[in-house]
Amino acid sequence: MSVHHLDRDRNGLEILDRAECLLLLTTVPVGRVAVTVGALPVILPVNFVVSTAGQIVFATRPGQKLHGALDNAVIAFEADAFDPATRGGWSVMVQDQAQVLSADDAAPYRHLELERWAGGDATSYVVISTERMSGRRIAERR
C-alpha cells in the first residue's frame, strides 16, 4: 500500500497544485484584488468566478479596480477560507496579467453569475490569467 506524500513549504504548509487551487477558488464567492493606484497599493474585495478556461473573472464599473487592471497590468488576486474552530484553512494567490474586456469580448462571460460586491450593474469585465498561481493549506488542529 502506497502512502501519498504531501509537498510542504518551509513553514510546513501543504503546497496545493493547480487543479486543487482552481477547485478551492470555486468554493468562495469573494476574493481580493491588489492593484497599484498612484504608486500606492490598494486592495479591494470583488465577487468573482472561475471561468471554464481557468481564469478569474469579475465584473466592475470604472474606478480603482478597473484603472489598476488597464493595459494588461500585472495585479494580484487572493481568496481564502479559514475555520477558527479547527484553525485549518487555505489560501490561493494569483499574480498575473489582467485584461479589461471590450463589450464584444465580454459576451462569453455575460452568462456567468457575477454579483458585484458594491451592487449595481457592471459595465466591464476583468479577466485575470492564472498562469502564476500558488496555494497553501494549513491542516486542521483539533
N, C-alpha and C. Protein backbone atom coordinates (compact mmCIF):
# COMPACT_ATOMS: atom_id res chain seq x y z
N MET A 1 0.84 -1.17 0.00
CA MET A 1 0.00 0.00 0.00
C MET A 1 0.89 1.24 0.00
N SER A 2 0.64 2.15 -0.93
CA SER A 2 1.47 3.35 -1.02
C SER A 2 0.89 4.46 -0.16
N VAL A 3 1.76 5.27 0.36
CA VAL A 3 1.36 6.41 1.18
C VAL A 3 1.53 7.67 0.35
N HIS A 4 0.46 8.47 0.25
CA HIS A 4 0.54 9.71 -0.52
C HIS A 4 1.36 10.74 0.25
N HIS A 5 2.38 11.27 -0.38
CA HIS A 5 3.26 12.25 0.24
C HIS A 5 2.80 13.65 -0.17
N LEU A 6 2.55 14.50 0.80
CA LEU A 6 2.15 15.88 0.53
C LEU A 6 3.39 16.75 0.44
N ASP A 7 3.44 17.59 -0.59
CA ASP A 7 4.52 18.54 -0.68
C ASP A 7 4.26 19.65 0.33
N ARG A 8 5.29 20.06 1.04
CA ARG A 8 5.18 21.10 2.06
C ARG A 8 6.18 22.21 1.77
N ASP A 9 5.81 23.44 2.19
CA ASP A 9 6.75 24.55 2.07
C ASP A 9 7.62 24.60 3.33
N ARG A 10 8.47 25.58 3.40
CA ARG A 10 9.41 25.64 4.54
C ARG A 10 8.72 25.88 5.88
N ASN A 11 7.47 26.33 5.85
CA ASN A 11 6.70 26.54 7.08
C ASN A 11 5.82 25.35 7.43
N GLY A 12 5.90 24.29 6.64
CA GLY A 12 5.11 23.10 6.91
C GLY A 12 3.71 23.14 6.32
N LEU A 13 3.40 24.16 5.50
CA LEU A 13 2.08 24.25 4.88
C LEU A 13 2.05 23.37 3.64
N GLU A 14 0.91 22.73 3.41
CA GLU A 14 0.75 21.90 2.22
C GLU A 14 0.73 22.79 0.98
N ILE A 15 1.52 22.43 -0.02
CA ILE A 15 1.55 23.16 -1.29
C ILE A 15 0.48 22.56 -2.19
N LEU A 16 -0.43 23.39 -2.66
CA LEU A 16 -1.54 22.93 -3.48
C LEU A 16 -1.18 22.99 -4.96
N ASP A 17 -1.61 21.99 -5.73
CA ASP A 17 -1.35 22.02 -7.16
C ASP A 17 -2.42 22.88 -7.85
N ARG A 18 -2.22 23.11 -9.13
CA ARG A 18 -3.11 23.99 -9.90
C ARG A 18 -4.56 23.54 -9.84
N ALA A 19 -4.79 22.24 -10.03
CA ALA A 19 -6.17 21.73 -10.03
C ALA A 19 -6.85 21.98 -8.69
N GLU A 20 -6.14 21.75 -7.60
CA GLU A 20 -6.71 21.98 -6.27
C GLU A 20 -6.97 23.46 -6.04
N CYS A 21 -6.06 24.33 -6.48
CA CYS A 21 -6.26 25.77 -6.34
C CYS A 21 -7.53 26.21 -7.06
N LEU A 22 -7.69 25.78 -8.31
CA LEU A 22 -8.87 26.18 -9.08
C LEU A 22 -10.14 25.64 -8.43
N LEU A 23 -10.11 24.42 -7.94
CA LEU A 23 -11.28 23.84 -7.28
C LEU A 23 -11.64 24.64 -6.02
N LEU A 24 -10.66 24.96 -5.20
CA LEU A 24 -10.93 25.73 -3.98
C LEU A 24 -11.48 27.11 -4.30
N LEU A 25 -10.98 27.74 -5.36
CA LEU A 25 -11.49 29.07 -5.73
C LEU A 25 -12.98 29.03 -6.06
N THR A 26 -13.47 27.90 -6.54
CA THR A 26 -14.90 27.82 -6.88
C THR A 26 -15.78 27.70 -5.64
N THR A 27 -15.18 27.55 -4.46
CA THR A 27 -15.96 27.35 -3.24
C THR A 27 -16.23 28.64 -2.47
N VAL A 28 -15.63 29.74 -2.89
CA VAL A 28 -15.84 31.02 -2.19
C VAL A 28 -16.28 32.07 -3.20
N PRO A 29 -17.17 32.99 -2.79
CA PRO A 29 -17.67 33.99 -3.73
C PRO A 29 -16.88 35.30 -3.77
N VAL A 30 -16.05 35.53 -2.76
CA VAL A 30 -15.36 36.82 -2.65
C VAL A 30 -13.86 36.62 -2.55
N GLY A 31 -13.12 37.42 -3.32
CA GLY A 31 -11.68 37.45 -3.24
C GLY A 31 -11.23 38.89 -3.13
N ARG A 32 -9.93 39.10 -3.17
CA ARG A 32 -9.39 40.46 -3.09
C ARG A 32 -8.45 40.69 -4.26
N VAL A 33 -8.57 41.87 -4.84
CA VAL A 33 -7.71 42.28 -5.94
C VAL A 33 -6.77 43.35 -5.42
N ALA A 34 -5.49 43.19 -5.69
CA ALA A 34 -4.50 44.18 -5.29
C ALA A 34 -3.97 44.86 -6.55
N VAL A 35 -4.12 46.17 -6.60
CA VAL A 35 -3.67 46.96 -7.74
C VAL A 35 -2.83 48.11 -7.22
N THR A 36 -2.15 48.77 -8.11
CA THR A 36 -1.38 49.95 -7.76
C THR A 36 -2.10 51.16 -8.32
N VAL A 37 -2.38 52.12 -7.45
CA VAL A 37 -3.05 53.35 -7.85
C VAL A 37 -2.19 54.51 -7.33
N GLY A 38 -1.68 55.31 -8.23
CA GLY A 38 -0.83 56.44 -7.83
C GLY A 38 0.39 55.98 -7.06
N ALA A 39 1.00 54.88 -7.48
CA ALA A 39 2.20 54.29 -6.87
C ALA A 39 1.95 53.72 -5.48
N LEU A 40 0.67 53.61 -5.06
CA LEU A 40 0.34 53.04 -3.76
C LEU A 40 -0.48 51.76 -3.95
N PRO A 41 -0.27 50.75 -3.08
CA PRO A 41 -1.06 49.53 -3.19
C PRO A 41 -2.49 49.75 -2.68
N VAL A 42 -3.45 49.16 -3.38
CA VAL A 42 -4.85 49.22 -2.99
C VAL A 42 -5.40 47.80 -3.09
N ILE A 43 -6.07 47.34 -2.03
CA ILE A 43 -6.67 46.01 -2.02
C ILE A 43 -8.17 46.18 -1.91
N LEU A 44 -8.89 45.56 -2.85
CA LEU A 44 -10.34 45.73 -2.93
C LEU A 44 -11.03 44.37 -3.01
N PRO A 45 -12.15 44.21 -2.30
CA PRO A 45 -12.90 42.95 -2.41
C PRO A 45 -13.68 42.91 -3.71
N VAL A 46 -13.79 41.71 -4.29
CA VAL A 46 -14.58 41.51 -5.51
C VAL A 46 -15.30 40.18 -5.44
N ASN A 47 -16.51 40.16 -5.97
CA ASN A 47 -17.18 38.89 -6.23
C ASN A 47 -16.59 38.38 -7.53
N PHE A 48 -16.29 37.10 -7.61
CA PHE A 48 -15.62 36.56 -8.78
C PHE A 48 -16.13 35.16 -9.08
N VAL A 49 -15.79 34.69 -10.27
CA VAL A 49 -16.00 33.30 -10.64
C VAL A 49 -14.75 32.82 -11.36
N VAL A 50 -14.62 31.50 -11.46
CA VAL A 50 -13.56 30.90 -12.24
C VAL A 50 -14.19 30.44 -13.55
N SER A 51 -13.67 30.91 -14.66
CA SER A 51 -14.22 30.54 -15.97
C SER A 51 -13.85 29.09 -16.30
N THR A 52 -14.50 28.53 -17.30
CA THR A 52 -14.19 27.17 -17.74
C THR A 52 -12.75 27.08 -18.25
N ALA A 53 -12.18 28.20 -18.65
CA ALA A 53 -10.78 28.23 -19.10
C ALA A 53 -9.80 28.40 -17.95
N GLY A 54 -10.32 28.45 -16.70
CA GLY A 54 -9.45 28.59 -15.55
C GLY A 54 -8.95 29.99 -15.30
N GLN A 55 -9.73 30.99 -15.69
CA GLN A 55 -9.37 32.38 -15.45
C GLN A 55 -10.26 32.94 -14.32
N ILE A 56 -9.73 33.93 -13.61
CA ILE A 56 -10.52 34.66 -12.63
C ILE A 56 -11.29 35.74 -13.39
N VAL A 57 -12.59 35.85 -13.16
CA VAL A 57 -13.40 36.84 -13.85
C VAL A 57 -14.22 37.60 -12.81
N PHE A 58 -14.17 38.94 -12.90
CA PHE A 58 -15.06 39.74 -12.06
C PHE A 58 -15.61 40.89 -12.87
N ALA A 59 -16.77 41.34 -12.44
CA ALA A 59 -17.44 42.46 -13.12
C ALA A 59 -17.18 43.72 -12.31
N THR A 60 -17.12 44.85 -13.01
CA THR A 60 -16.81 46.10 -12.32
C THR A 60 -17.39 47.28 -13.08
N ARG A 61 -17.28 48.42 -12.48
CA ARG A 61 -17.60 49.69 -13.11
C ARG A 61 -16.31 50.51 -13.11
N PRO A 62 -16.23 51.55 -13.90
CA PRO A 62 -15.00 52.35 -13.90
C PRO A 62 -14.64 52.82 -12.49
N GLY A 63 -13.38 52.70 -12.15
CA GLY A 63 -12.92 53.10 -10.82
C GLY A 63 -11.55 52.50 -10.58
N GLN A 64 -11.19 52.34 -9.32
CA GLN A 64 -9.85 51.90 -8.97
C GLN A 64 -9.51 50.52 -9.51
N LYS A 65 -10.41 49.54 -9.35
CA LYS A 65 -10.11 48.20 -9.83
C LYS A 65 -9.90 48.21 -11.33
N LEU A 66 -10.77 48.90 -12.04
CA LEU A 66 -10.66 48.95 -13.49
C LEU A 66 -9.39 49.67 -13.90
N HIS A 67 -9.10 50.78 -13.25
CA HIS A 67 -7.89 51.54 -13.56
C HIS A 67 -6.65 50.68 -13.36
N GLY A 68 -6.62 49.94 -12.24
CA GLY A 68 -5.46 49.10 -11.93
C GLY A 68 -5.29 47.94 -12.89
N ALA A 69 -6.36 47.56 -13.58
CA ALA A 69 -6.30 46.42 -14.50
C ALA A 69 -6.06 46.83 -15.94
N LEU A 70 -6.01 48.12 -16.21
CA LEU A 70 -5.83 48.58 -17.58
C LEU A 70 -4.45 48.24 -18.13
N ASP A 71 -4.37 48.20 -19.45
CA ASP A 71 -3.10 47.99 -20.15
C ASP A 71 -2.39 46.71 -19.75
N ASN A 72 -3.16 45.65 -19.50
CA ASN A 72 -2.59 44.35 -19.15
C ASN A 72 -1.64 44.41 -17.97
N ALA A 73 -1.96 45.23 -16.99
CA ALA A 73 -1.12 45.36 -15.80
C ALA A 73 -1.08 44.03 -15.04
N VAL A 74 0.04 43.77 -14.41
CA VAL A 74 0.14 42.62 -13.53
C VAL A 74 -0.46 43.02 -12.19
N ILE A 75 -1.45 42.26 -11.75
CA ILE A 75 -2.09 42.53 -10.47
C ILE A 75 -2.06 41.26 -9.64
N ALA A 76 -2.45 41.38 -8.39
CA ALA A 76 -2.54 40.21 -7.52
C ALA A 76 -3.99 39.98 -7.16
N PHE A 77 -4.34 38.72 -7.02
CA PHE A 77 -5.68 38.30 -6.60
C PHE A 77 -5.48 37.24 -5.53
N GLU A 78 -6.30 37.30 -4.48
CA GLU A 78 -6.19 36.32 -3.41
C GLU A 78 -7.58 35.98 -2.90
N ALA A 79 -7.78 34.70 -2.63
CA ALA A 79 -9.00 34.23 -1.97
C ALA A 79 -8.60 33.16 -0.97
N ASP A 80 -9.41 33.01 0.08
CA ASP A 80 -9.06 32.04 1.11
C ASP A 80 -10.29 31.62 1.89
N ALA A 81 -10.10 30.66 2.74
CA ALA A 81 -11.12 30.23 3.69
C ALA A 81 -10.39 29.78 4.95
N PHE A 82 -11.01 30.03 6.10
CA PHE A 82 -10.38 29.70 7.37
C PHE A 82 -11.46 29.30 8.35
N ASP A 83 -11.23 28.24 9.10
CA ASP A 83 -12.16 27.78 10.13
C ASP A 83 -11.55 28.06 11.49
N PRO A 84 -12.08 29.06 12.22
CA PRO A 84 -11.49 29.40 13.52
C PRO A 84 -11.55 28.27 14.54
N ALA A 85 -12.54 27.40 14.42
CA ALA A 85 -12.67 26.31 15.39
C ALA A 85 -11.56 25.29 15.24
N THR A 86 -11.19 24.96 14.01
CA THR A 86 -10.16 23.95 13.78
C THR A 86 -8.81 24.55 13.43
N ARG A 87 -8.80 25.85 13.19
CA ARG A 87 -7.59 26.59 12.79
C ARG A 87 -7.01 26.06 11.48
N GLY A 88 -7.86 25.46 10.67
CA GLY A 88 -7.45 24.99 9.35
C GLY A 88 -7.94 25.94 8.29
N GLY A 89 -7.30 25.91 7.15
CA GLY A 89 -7.75 26.77 6.07
C GLY A 89 -6.82 26.70 4.88
N TRP A 90 -7.12 27.51 3.90
CA TRP A 90 -6.32 27.54 2.68
C TRP A 90 -6.29 28.97 2.14
N SER A 91 -5.33 29.20 1.26
CA SER A 91 -5.19 30.48 0.58
C SER A 91 -4.64 30.22 -0.81
N VAL A 92 -5.23 30.92 -1.80
CA VAL A 92 -4.74 30.83 -3.18
C VAL A 92 -4.42 32.25 -3.64
N MET A 93 -3.24 32.42 -4.22
CA MET A 93 -2.84 33.72 -4.73
C MET A 93 -2.49 33.60 -6.21
N VAL A 94 -2.94 34.60 -6.96
CA VAL A 94 -2.65 34.70 -8.39
C VAL A 94 -1.93 36.02 -8.61
N GLN A 95 -0.84 35.99 -9.33
CA GLN A 95 -0.12 37.20 -9.74
C GLN A 95 0.03 37.09 -11.24
N ASP A 96 -0.79 37.83 -11.95
CA ASP A 96 -0.76 37.68 -13.40
C ASP A 96 -1.38 38.89 -14.07
N GLN A 97 -1.42 38.85 -15.37
CA GLN A 97 -1.97 39.97 -16.14
C GLN A 97 -3.48 39.98 -16.07
N ALA A 98 -4.01 41.18 -15.99
CA ALA A 98 -5.45 41.39 -16.02
C ALA A 98 -5.79 42.09 -17.32
N GLN A 99 -6.94 41.75 -17.83
CA GLN A 99 -7.39 42.36 -19.08
C GLN A 99 -8.82 42.85 -18.91
N VAL A 100 -9.05 44.11 -19.22
CA VAL A 100 -10.40 44.66 -19.24
C VAL A 100 -10.97 44.33 -20.61
N LEU A 101 -12.10 43.68 -20.61
CA LEU A 101 -12.69 43.22 -21.86
C LEU A 101 -13.59 44.28 -22.49
N SER A 102 -13.52 44.37 -23.78
CA SER A 102 -14.45 45.23 -24.52
C SER A 102 -15.82 44.59 -24.45
N ALA A 103 -16.86 45.33 -24.81
CA ALA A 103 -18.22 44.80 -24.79
C ALA A 103 -18.32 43.54 -25.64
N ASP A 104 -17.68 43.53 -26.80
CA ASP A 104 -17.73 42.36 -27.66
C ASP A 104 -16.99 41.17 -27.05
N ASP A 105 -15.82 41.43 -26.48
CA ASP A 105 -15.03 40.36 -25.89
C ASP A 105 -15.66 39.80 -24.61
N ALA A 106 -16.49 40.59 -23.96
CA ALA A 106 -17.13 40.16 -22.71
C ALA A 106 -18.32 39.25 -22.94
N ALA A 107 -18.80 39.15 -24.16
CA ALA A 107 -20.00 38.36 -24.46
C ALA A 107 -19.95 36.94 -23.88
N PRO A 108 -18.84 36.21 -23.98
CA PRO A 108 -18.82 34.85 -23.44
C PRO A 108 -18.94 34.78 -21.91
N TYR A 109 -18.74 35.90 -21.25
CA TYR A 109 -18.77 35.91 -19.78
C TYR A 109 -20.09 36.44 -19.21
N ARG A 110 -20.92 36.98 -20.04
CA ARG A 110 -22.16 37.61 -19.55
C ARG A 110 -23.12 36.62 -18.91
N HIS A 111 -23.01 35.33 -19.24
CA HIS A 111 -23.89 34.32 -18.65
C HIS A 111 -23.47 33.94 -17.23
N LEU A 112 -22.25 34.29 -16.86
CA LEU A 112 -21.76 33.93 -15.53
C LEU A 112 -22.51 34.72 -14.46
N GLU A 113 -22.74 34.08 -13.34
CA GLU A 113 -23.44 34.74 -12.25
C GLU A 113 -22.45 35.58 -11.45
N LEU A 114 -22.27 36.81 -11.88
CA LEU A 114 -21.31 37.72 -11.26
C LEU A 114 -22.06 38.85 -10.57
N GLU A 115 -22.17 38.73 -9.27
CA GLU A 115 -22.79 39.80 -8.49
C GLU A 115 -21.68 40.72 -8.01
N ARG A 116 -21.85 42.00 -8.22
CA ARG A 116 -20.83 42.95 -7.77
C ARG A 116 -20.90 43.15 -6.27
N TRP A 117 -19.74 43.25 -5.62
CA TRP A 117 -19.63 43.47 -4.18
C TRP A 117 -20.42 44.70 -3.77
N ALA A 118 -20.30 45.77 -4.54
CA ALA A 118 -20.94 47.04 -4.21
C ALA A 118 -22.35 47.15 -4.79
N GLY A 119 -22.80 46.12 -5.49
CA GLY A 119 -24.12 46.18 -6.11
C GLY A 119 -24.11 47.01 -7.38
N GLY A 120 -25.26 47.12 -8.00
CA GLY A 120 -25.37 47.90 -9.23
C GLY A 120 -24.91 47.11 -10.44
N ASP A 121 -25.21 47.65 -11.59
CA ASP A 121 -24.84 46.98 -12.84
C ASP A 121 -23.38 47.21 -13.19
N ALA A 122 -22.75 46.15 -13.64
CA ALA A 122 -21.37 46.24 -14.09
C ALA A 122 -21.34 46.73 -15.53
N THR A 123 -20.32 47.47 -15.85
CA THR A 123 -20.16 47.95 -17.22
C THR A 123 -18.96 47.29 -17.90
N SER A 124 -18.12 46.61 -17.13
CA SER A 124 -16.92 45.98 -17.68
C SER A 124 -16.66 44.66 -16.98
N TYR A 125 -15.94 43.80 -17.68
CA TYR A 125 -15.49 42.55 -17.10
C TYR A 125 -13.97 42.54 -17.12
N VAL A 126 -13.38 42.02 -16.04
CA VAL A 126 -11.93 41.90 -15.95
C VAL A 126 -11.60 40.42 -15.84
N VAL A 127 -10.64 39.98 -16.63
CA VAL A 127 -10.20 38.60 -16.64
C VAL A 127 -8.74 38.58 -16.22
N ILE A 128 -8.43 37.70 -15.27
CA ILE A 128 -7.05 37.54 -14.80
C ILE A 128 -6.58 36.15 -15.17
N SER A 129 -5.49 36.08 -15.88
CA SER A 129 -4.88 34.80 -16.21
C SER A 129 -4.41 34.14 -14.92
N THR A 130 -4.35 32.83 -14.89
CA THR A 130 -3.91 32.12 -13.69
C THR A 130 -2.64 31.31 -13.95
N GLU A 131 -1.82 31.79 -14.85
CA GLU A 131 -0.57 31.09 -15.13
C GLU A 131 0.36 31.11 -13.92
N ARG A 132 0.34 32.21 -13.16
CA ARG A 132 1.17 32.33 -11.95
C ARG A 132 0.24 32.25 -10.74
N MET A 133 -0.01 31.03 -10.31
CA MET A 133 -0.93 30.80 -9.21
C MET A 133 -0.27 29.86 -8.20
N SER A 134 -0.47 30.14 -6.93
CA SER A 134 0.06 29.26 -5.89
C SER A 134 -0.97 29.16 -4.78
N GLY A 135 -0.92 28.05 -4.07
CA GLY A 135 -1.86 27.85 -2.97
C GLY A 135 -1.22 27.08 -1.84
N ARG A 136 -1.73 27.34 -0.66
CA ARG A 136 -1.25 26.66 0.55
C ARG A 136 -2.45 26.29 1.41
N ARG A 137 -2.29 25.19 2.14
CA ARG A 137 -3.33 24.76 3.09
C ARG A 137 -2.66 24.45 4.41
N ILE A 138 -3.30 24.88 5.49
CA ILE A 138 -2.84 24.53 6.83
C ILE A 138 -3.81 23.50 7.38
N ALA A 139 -3.24 22.45 7.94
CA ALA A 139 -4.05 21.34 8.44
C ALA A 139 -4.89 21.78 9.64
N GLU A 140 -6.03 21.16 9.75
CA GLU A 140 -6.91 21.44 10.89
C GLU A 140 -6.26 20.91 12.16
N ARG A 141 -6.45 21.63 13.25
CA ARG A 141 -5.98 21.19 14.57
C ARG A 141 -7.18 21.03 15.46
N ARG A 142 -7.27 19.98 16.12
CA ARG A 142 -8.44 19.73 17.00
C ARG A 142 -8.06 19.76 18.43
